[in-house]
Amino acid sequence: RIEFTEDFAVVGGITIPLAVRDRNQGRITEARANLARTEAETAAARVYIETALFVLYQELKHNLELAQRLNQDVIPRFERALADTRRAYELGRYSYFEWSVVQEELLEANNDLLEANIGAHRIIIEIERLTGVRFSRPVTAQ
């Protein structure tokens, strides 16, 4: 009530909220979800590559051990057996068939050695491809 003019007045108010909260909450949430997805994909790719590298490393070890065993044990024994069989063939104690069987076994062992070395080289190439790092060659004694 206004006493001076003897009037009545009504006072009203409107509340308008100020932009305290960021309007881009949806985009921020989307960006966080994309980041989490990317991190999960990166972790999955890392696990895949580490698993592949482990399997390749085991295959490489197997091929190198096989090549070493063939080089140091199997092939020298077949070479000695071939020399002994050849002498026996020349003396008439063994037939040509027996001599050719030992030759064939030596050729198979040499073929296995070649396959093991080729397999090792292919695996090294695949490891280099996955890691992007060139394998260093071991220093050989001369």
Protein backbone atom coordinates (compact mmCIF):
# COMPACT_ATOMS: atom_id res chain seq x y z
CA ARG A 1 0.00 0.00 0.00
CA ILE A 2 1.30 3.38 -0.90
CA GLU A 3 0.25 5.80 1.87
CA PHE A 4 0.94 9.01 0.05
CA THR A 5 -1.42 8.29 -2.82
CA GLU A 6 -3.51 5.72 -1.02
CA ASP A 7 -2.92 3.17 -3.79
CA PHE A 8 -2.31 -0.56 -3.68
CA ALA A 9 0.41 -2.14 -5.70
CA VAL A 10 1.33 -5.70 -6.50
CA VAL A 11 4.98 -6.64 -6.86
CA GLY A 12 5.94 -9.75 -8.84
CA GLY A 13 9.24 -11.39 -9.76
CA ILE A 14 10.62 -13.68 -12.41
CA THR A 15 13.63 -15.88 -11.85
CA ILE A 16 15.80 -16.56 -14.89
CA PRO A 17 18.59 -19.05 -14.30
CA LEU A 18 22.03 -18.01 -15.45
CA ALA A 19 24.03 -20.48 -17.54
CA VAL A 20 26.11 -21.92 -14.73
CA ARG A 21 26.14 -25.37 -16.31
CA ASP A 22 28.01 -25.84 -19.60
CA ARG A 23 25.71 -26.20 -22.60
CA ASN A 24 28.11 -28.69 -24.26
CA GLN A 25 27.62 -31.44 -21.67
CA GLY A 26 26.41 -33.82 -24.39
CA ARG A 27 29.47 -33.26 -26.53
CA ILE A 28 31.77 -33.52 -23.54
CA THR A 29 30.17 -36.84 -22.58
CA GLU A 30 30.49 -38.04 -26.18
CA ALA A 31 34.16 -37.03 -26.29
CA ARG A 32 34.82 -38.89 -23.02
CA ALA A 33 33.06 -41.98 -24.39
CA ASN A 34 35.12 -41.78 -27.60
CA LEU A 35 38.30 -41.45 -25.55
CA ALA A 36 37.37 -44.50 -23.44
CA ARG A 37 36.57 -46.48 -26.61
CA THR A 38 39.88 -45.49 -28.18
CA GLU A 39 41.78 -46.47 -25.03
CA ALA A 40 40.00 -49.86 -25.00
CA GLU A 41 40.79 -50.42 -28.68
CA THR A 42 44.43 -49.49 -28.07
CA ALA A 43 44.65 -51.92 -25.16
CA ALA A 44 43.05 -54.67 -27.26
CA ALA A 45 45.46 -54.02 -30.13
CA ARG A 46 48.40 -54.12 -27.71
CA VAL A 47 47.25 -57.47 -26.30
CA TYR A 48 46.78 -58.83 -29.84
CA ILE A 49 50.26 -57.73 -30.92
CA GLU A 50 51.90 -58.99 -27.73
CA THR A 51 50.19 -62.37 -28.18
CA ALA A 52 51.19 -62.54 -31.84
CA LEU A 53 54.77 -61.62 -30.93
CA PHE A 54 54.88 -64.29 -28.23
CA VAL A 55 53.64 -66.96 -30.65
CA LEU A 56 56.10 -65.80 -33.32
CA TYR A 57 58.95 -65.81 -30.81
CA GLN A 58 58.13 -69.39 -29.78
CA GLU A 59 58.05 -70.46 -33.45
CA LEU A 60 61.34 -68.66 -34.06
CA LYS A 61 62.96 -70.42 -31.10
CA HIS A 62 61.69 -73.76 -32.37
CA ASN A 63 63.00 -73.18 -35.90
CA LEU A 64 66.40 -72.01 -34.64
CA GLU A 65 66.72 -74.97 -32.27
CA LEU A 66 65.69 -77.34 -35.06
CA ALA A 67 68.25 -75.83 -37.43
CA GLN A 68 70.95 -76.06 -34.77
CA ARG A 69 70.08 -79.70 -33.99
CA LEU A 70 70.10 -80.61 -37.68
CA ASN A 71 73.40 -78.79 -38.25
CA GLN A 72 75.22 -80.16 -35.23
CA ASP A 73 73.80 -83.66 -34.79
CA VAL A 74 71.63 -85.06 -37.56
CA ILE A 75 73.38 -84.00 -40.77
CA PRO A 76 76.91 -84.95 -39.59
CA ARG A 77 75.62 -88.42 -38.63
CA PHE A 78 73.95 -88.84 -42.02
CA GLU A 79 77.15 -87.69 -43.74
CA ARG A 80 79.18 -90.29 -41.81
CA ALA A 81 76.55 -92.93 -42.56
CA LEU A 82 76.64 -91.99 -46.24
CA ALA A 83 80.43 -92.27 -46.32
CA ASP A 84 80.30 -95.66 -44.56
CA THR A 85 77.53 -96.90 -46.84
CA ARG A 86 79.41 -95.72 -49.91
CA ARG A 87 82.52 -97.66 -48.83
CA ALA A 88 80.41 -100.72 -48.13
CA TYR A 89 78.71 -100.33 -51.52
CA GLU A 90 82.09 -100.07 -53.27
CA LEU A 91 83.21 -103.22 -51.44
CA GLY A 92 80.02 -105.00 -52.47
CA ARG A 93 78.55 -105.39 -48.98
CA TYR A 94 75.57 -103.06 -49.62
CA SER A 95 73.35 -102.72 -52.63
CA TYR A 96 72.80 -99.51 -54.57
CA PHE A 97 69.35 -99.28 -53.01
CA GLU A 98 70.79 -99.09 -49.48
CA TRP A 99 73.26 -96.43 -50.57
CA SER A 100 70.49 -94.41 -52.26
CA VAL A 101 68.31 -94.64 -49.12
CA VAL A 102 71.06 -93.03 -47.02
CA GLN A 103 71.54 -90.37 -49.72
CA GLU A 104 67.81 -89.66 -49.66
CA GLU A 105 67.79 -89.37 -45.86
CA LEU A 106 70.70 -86.91 -46.01
CA LEU A 107 68.88 -84.87 -48.65
CA GLU A 108 65.73 -84.85 -46.50
CA ALA A 109 67.73 -83.65 -43.49
CA ASN A 110 69.31 -80.89 -45.61
CA ASN A 111 65.85 -79.97 -46.89
CA ASP A 112 64.54 -79.84 -43.30
CA LEU A 113 67.47 -77.57 -42.39
CA LEU A 114 66.67 -75.29 -45.31
CA GLU A 115 62.97 -75.19 -44.35
CA ALA A 116 63.83 -74.39 -40.71
CA ASN A 117 66.10 -71.52 -41.79
CA ILE A 118 63.51 -70.18 -44.24
CA GLY A 119 60.85 -70.41 -41.53
CA ALA A 120 63.09 -68.52 -39.09
CA HIS A 121 63.71 -65.79 -41.65
CA ARG A 122 59.99 -65.44 -42.40
CA ILE A 123 59.22 -65.17 -38.70
CA ILE A 124 61.91 -62.52 -38.26
CA ILE A 125 60.37 -60.55 -41.12
CA GLU A 126 56.93 -60.80 -39.49
CA ILE A 127 58.31 -59.70 -36.11
CA GLU A 128 60.02 -56.74 -37.79
CA ARG A 129 56.74 -55.88 -39.52
CA LEU A 130 54.75 -55.99 -36.29
CA THR A 131 57.27 -54.06 -34.20
CA GLY A 132 58.67 -51.71 -36.81
CA VAL A 133 62.13 -52.48 -35.48
CA ARG A 134 64.87 -54.24 -37.42
CA PHE A 135 66.31 -57.34 -35.77
CA SER A 136 69.96 -56.97 -34.97
CA ARG A 137 72.16 -59.73 -36.22
CA PRO A 138 74.13 -61.66 -33.62
CA VAL A 139 77.86 -61.17 -33.77
CA THR A 140 79.52 -64.34 -35.04
CA ALA A 141 82.97 -65.40 -33.92
CA GLN A 142 85.47 -65.59 -36.75
